[in-house]
Amino acid sequence: MNGYIPPTYLAPFRAQYRLRLTAGAHSARHIRSIARSLLDEWELAEVTDAVELALTELVANVVRHVPDRRCEVLILRQTAGVRVEVTDGCERLPLRPEELRPDAENGRGLVLLEASVDKWGVDATRTGGKTVWFECRV
């Protein structure tokens, strides 16, 4: 062989974008724009609407529920789609939709999240915070 590696033997394409910020009223709009641009570049336009909706909800939750509003957003290209993580320093975990009371005034955004993405979850971090993540497959 002359050094040529057929495409089927190349490692899966992986790229990522990481942003640390103090979230504010307009943060979700800016992060959606970044996500849209990345998804277009990664040729994953078919998941753009779901990613934008879910990402908006997670950033809005940081603004509403995290006292210092600091977070880190990670957008990760995966072989079968995209994974988005929003990590903050707040220990309080969001309630899953099935844990909501019928008269609950908050938490409906996670119902939208669950309906929009293929998979989502919450992981506690070693530093006392949490990471809320979701995945959208193509």
C-alpha atoms as a PDB file:
ATOM      1  CA  MET A   1       0.000   0.000   0.000  1.00  0.00           C
ATOM      2  CA  ASN A   2       1.141   3.541  -0.656  1.00  0.00           C
ATOM      3  CA  GLY A   3      -0.242   5.080   2.558  1.00  0.00           C
ATOM      4  CA  TYR A   4      -3.815   5.415   1.275  1.00  0.00           C
ATOM      5  CA  ILE A   5      -6.408   4.532   3.894  1.00  0.00           C
ATOM      6  CA  PRO A   6      -9.888   3.892   2.510  1.00  0.00           C
ATOM      7  CA  PRO A   7     -12.534   6.078   4.206  1.00  0.00           C
ATOM      8  CA  THR A   8     -14.207   3.058   5.831  1.00  0.00           C
ATOM      9  CA  TYR A   9     -11.088   2.563   7.967  1.00  0.00           C
ATOM     10  CA  LEU A  10     -10.787   6.123   9.213  1.00  0.00           C
ATOM     11  CA  ALA A  11     -11.657   6.875  12.826  1.00  0.00           C
ATOM     12  CA  PRO A  12     -15.194   8.228  13.272  1.00  0.00           C
ATOM     13  CA  PHE A  13     -15.467  11.970  12.791  1.00  0.00           C
ATOM     14  CA  ARG A  14     -15.592  13.773  16.136  1.00  0.00           C
ATOM     15  CA  ALA A  15     -15.601  17.489  16.728  1.00  0.00           C
ATOM     16  CA  GLN A  16     -16.720  19.616  19.618  1.00  0.00           C
ATOM     17  CA  TYR A  17     -17.421  23.132  20.752  1.00  0.00           C
ATOM     18  CA  ARG A  18     -17.111  24.210  24.391  1.00  0.00           C
ATOM     19  CA  LEU A  19     -18.281  27.515  25.862  1.00  0.00           C
ATOM     20  CA  ARG A  20     -18.072  28.742  29.463  1.00  0.00           C
ATOM     21  CA  LEU A  21     -20.379  31.626  30.286  1.00  0.00           C
ATOM     22  CA  THR A  22     -22.542  33.436  32.780  1.00  0.00           C
ATOM     23  CA  ALA A  23     -25.983  32.937  31.252  1.00  0.00           C
ATOM     24  CA  GLY A  24     -28.287  35.885  30.802  1.00  0.00           C
ATOM     25  CA  ALA A  25     -31.513  36.795  29.063  1.00  0.00           C
ATOM     26  CA  HIS A  26     -30.015  36.657  25.552  1.00  0.00           C
ATOM     27  CA  SER A  27     -27.594  33.752  26.004  1.00  0.00           C
ATOM     28  CA  ALA A  28     -29.892  31.106  24.565  1.00  0.00           C
ATOM     29  CA  ARG A  29     -30.280  33.062  21.315  1.00  0.00           C
ATOM     30  CA  HIS A  30     -26.517  33.332  20.866  1.00  0.00           C
ATOM     31  CA  ILE A  31     -25.879  29.678  21.739  1.00  0.00           C
ATOM     32  CA  ARG A  32     -28.626  28.564  19.319  1.00  0.00           C
ATOM     33  CA  SER A  33     -26.862  30.501  16.574  1.00  0.00           C
ATOM     34  CA  ILE A  34     -23.579  28.761  17.368  1.00  0.00           C
ATOM     35  CA  ALA A  35     -25.282  25.353  17.456  1.00  0.00           C
ATOM     36  CA  ARG A  36     -27.038  26.006  14.133  1.00  0.00           C
ATOM     37  CA  SER A  37     -23.730  26.935  12.523  1.00  0.00           C
ATOM     38  CA  LEU A  38     -21.977  23.837  13.889  1.00  0.00           C
ATOM     39  CA  LEU A  39     -24.776  21.508  12.833  1.00  0.00           C
ATOM     40  CA  ASP A  40     -24.725  22.987   9.356  1.00  0.00           C
ATOM     41  CA  GLU A  41     -20.945  22.539   9.162  1.00  0.00           C
ATOM     42  CA  TRP A  42     -21.249  18.962  10.425  1.00  0.00           C
ATOM     43  CA  GLU A  43     -24.048  18.256   7.904  1.00  0.00           C
ATOM     44  CA  LEU A  44     -26.557  17.532  10.673  1.00  0.00           C
ATOM     45  CA  ALA A  45     -29.157  20.123   9.702  1.00  0.00           C
ATOM     46  CA  GLU A  46     -31.997  17.630  10.213  1.00  0.00           C
ATOM     47  CA  VAL A  47     -31.551  17.779  14.013  1.00  0.00           C
ATOM     48  CA  THR A  48     -31.226  21.579  14.224  1.00  0.00           C
ATOM     49  CA  ASP A  49     -34.784  22.282  15.431  1.00  0.00           C
ATOM     50  CA  ALA A  50     -34.600  19.659  18.186  1.00  0.00           C
ATOM     51  CA  VAL A  51     -31.146  20.783  19.330  1.00  0.00           C
ATOM     52  CA  GLU A  52     -32.153  24.458  19.386  1.00  0.00           C
ATOM     53  CA  LEU A  53     -35.333  23.780  21.385  1.00  0.00           C
ATOM     54  CA  ALA A  54     -33.602  21.519  23.908  1.00  0.00           C
ATOM     55  CA  LEU A  55     -30.582  23.785  24.286  1.00  0.00           C
ATOM     56  CA  THR A  56     -32.846  26.795  24.853  1.00  0.00           C
ATOM     57  CA  GLU A  57     -34.606  24.947  27.667  1.00  0.00           C
ATOM     58  CA  LEU A  58     -31.371  23.935  29.384  1.00  0.00           C
ATOM     59  CA  VAL A  59     -29.879  27.435  29.216  1.00  0.00           C
ATOM     60  CA  ALA A  60     -33.166  28.933  30.448  1.00  0.00           C
ATOM     61  CA  ASN A  61     -33.021  26.540  33.408  1.00  0.00           C
ATOM     62  CA  VAL A  62     -29.548  27.852  34.264  1.00  0.00           C
ATOM     63  CA  VAL A  63     -30.861  31.429  34.180  1.00  0.00           C
ATOM     64  CA  ARG A  64     -33.856  30.510  36.387  1.00  0.00           C
ATOM     65  CA  HIS A  65     -32.363  28.033  38.843  1.00  0.00           C
ATOM     66  CA  VAL A  66     -28.577  28.460  39.150  1.00  0.00           C
ATOM     67  CA  PRO A  67     -27.726  31.270  41.605  1.00  0.00           C
ATOM     68  CA  ASP A  68     -24.496  32.420  39.895  1.00  0.00           C
ATOM     69  CA  ARG A  69     -25.800  31.579  36.382  1.00  0.00           C
ATOM     70  CA  ARG A  70     -22.410  30.134  35.416  1.00  0.00           C
ATOM     71  CA  CYS A  71     -22.382  27.139  33.128  1.00  0.00           C
ATOM     72  CA  GLU A  72     -20.442  25.304  30.480  1.00  0.00           C
ATOM     73  CA  VAL A  73     -22.029  24.195  27.219  1.00  0.00           C
ATOM     74  CA  LEU A  74     -20.482  21.338  25.265  1.00  0.00           C
ATOM     75  CA  ILE A  75     -21.710  20.450  21.779  1.00  0.00           C
ATOM     76  CA  LEU A  76     -20.174  17.181  20.641  1.00  0.00           C
ATOM     77  CA  ARG A  77     -20.420  15.620  17.180  1.00  0.00           C
ATOM     78  CA  GLN A  78     -20.936  11.880  17.473  1.00  0.00           C
ATOM     79  CA  THR A  79     -20.931   9.191  14.826  1.00  0.00           C
ATOM     80  CA  ALA A  80     -24.733   8.946  14.826  1.00  0.00           C
ATOM     81  CA  GLY A  81     -25.635  12.537  15.665  1.00  0.00           C
ATOM     82  CA  VAL A  82     -24.912  15.117  18.335  1.00  0.00           C
ATOM     83  CA  ARG A  83     -24.676  15.275  22.125  1.00  0.00           C
ATOM     84  CA  VAL A  84     -25.133  18.509  24.072  1.00  0.00           C
ATOM     85  CA  GLU A  85     -24.187  18.958  27.716  1.00  0.00           C
ATOM     86  CA  VAL A  86     -24.883  21.895  30.018  1.00  0.00           C
ATOM     87  CA  THR A  87     -22.920  21.757  33.273  1.00  0.00           C
ATOM     88  CA  ASP A  88     -23.444  24.084  36.233  1.00  0.00           C
ATOM     89  CA  GLY A  89     -22.414  24.277  39.874  1.00  0.00           C
ATOM     90  CA  CYS A  90     -25.889  23.890  41.367  1.00  0.00           C
ATOM     91  CA  GLU A  91     -26.592  20.644  43.228  1.00  0.00           C
ATOM     92  CA  ARG A  92     -30.356  20.810  42.745  1.00  0.00           C
ATOM     93  CA  LEU A  93     -31.363  18.235  40.145  1.00  0.00           C
ATOM     94  CA  PRO A  94     -34.267  18.896  37.786  1.00  0.00           C
ATOM     95  CA  LEU A  95     -37.384  16.811  38.271  1.00  0.00           C
ATOM     96  CA  ARG A  96     -38.073  14.327  35.540  1.00  0.00           C
ATOM     97  CA  PRO A  97     -41.447  14.879  33.803  1.00  0.00           C
ATOM     98  CA  GLU A  98     -42.953  11.776  35.418  1.00  0.00           C
ATOM     99  CA  GLU A  99     -42.091  13.217  38.861  1.00  0.00           C
ATOM    100  CA  LEU A 100     -44.094  16.425  38.292  1.00  0.00           C
ATOM    101  CA  ARG A 101     -47.338  16.983  40.129  1.00  0.00           C
ATOM    102  CA  PRO A 102     -50.289  17.736  37.833  1.00  0.00           C
ATOM    103  CA  ASP A 103     -50.555  21.248  39.322  1.00  0.00           C
ATOM    104  CA  ALA A 104     -46.795  21.997  39.107  1.00  0.00           C
ATOM    105  CA  GLU A 105     -46.032  25.493  37.819  1.00  0.00           C
ATOM    106  CA  ASN A 106     -42.482  24.679  36.693  1.00  0.00           C
ATOM    107  CA  GLY A 107     -40.800  21.809  34.888  1.00  0.00           C
ATOM    108  CA  ARG A 108     -42.828  21.786  31.690  1.00  0.00           C
ATOM    109  CA  GLY A 109     -39.716  22.602  29.666  1.00  0.00           C
ATOM    110  CA  LEU A 110     -38.299  19.184  30.440  1.00  0.00           C
ATOM    111  CA  VAL A 111     -41.451  17.662  28.972  1.00  0.00           C
ATOM    112  CA  LEU A 112     -40.566  19.498  25.739  1.00  0.00           C
ATOM    113  CA  LEU A 113     -36.982  18.316  26.055  1.00  0.00           C
ATOM    114  CA  GLU A 114     -38.071  14.701  26.412  1.00  0.00           C
ATOM    115  CA  ALA A 115     -40.411  14.987  23.421  1.00  0.00           C
ATOM    116  CA  SER A 116     -37.753  16.611  21.219  1.00  0.00           C
ATOM    117  CA  VAL A 117     -34.630  14.507  21.731  1.00  0.00           C
ATOM    118  CA  ASP A 118     -33.758  10.840  21.466  1.00  0.00           C
ATOM    119  CA  LYS A 119     -32.194  10.531  24.900  1.00  0.00           C
ATOM    120  CA  TRP A 120     -31.481  12.796  27.890  1.00  0.00           C
ATOM    121  CA  GLY A 121     -30.332  12.607  31.449  1.00  0.00           C
ATOM    122  CA  VAL A 122     -28.719  14.277  34.435  1.00  0.00           C
ATOM    123  CA  ASP A 123     -25.385  13.364  36.007  1.00  0.00           C
ATOM    124  CA  ALA A 124     -24.004  14.724  39.270  1.00  0.00           C
ATOM    125  CA  THR A 125     -20.485  16.133  38.947  1.00  0.00           C
ATOM    126  CA  ARG A 126     -17.620  15.468  41.353  1.00  0.00           C
ATOM    127  CA  THR A 127     -17.560  19.150  42.270  1.00  0.00           C
ATOM    128  CA  GLY A 128     -21.145  19.254  43.572  1.00  0.00           C
ATOM    129  CA  GLY A 129     -22.889  20.452  40.426  1.00  0.00           C
ATOM    130  CA  LYS A 130     -24.652  18.636  37.635  1.00  0.00           C
ATOM    131  CA  THR A 131     -24.579  18.038  33.914  1.00  0.00           C
ATOM    132  CA  VAL A 132     -27.867  17.910  32.024  1.00  0.00           C
ATOM    133  CA  TRP A 133     -27.332  16.330  28.625  1.00  0.00           C
ATOM    134  CA  PHE A 134     -29.244  15.202  25.567  1.00  0.00           C
ATOM    135  CA  GLU A 135     -28.573  13.370  22.324  1.00  0.00           C
ATOM    136  CA  CYS A 136     -30.169  13.726  18.913  1.00  0.00           C
ATOM    137  CA  ARG A 137     -29.544  11.045  16.319  1.00  0.00           C
ATOM    138  CA  VAL A 138     -29.742  11.392  12.562  1.00  0.00           C
END
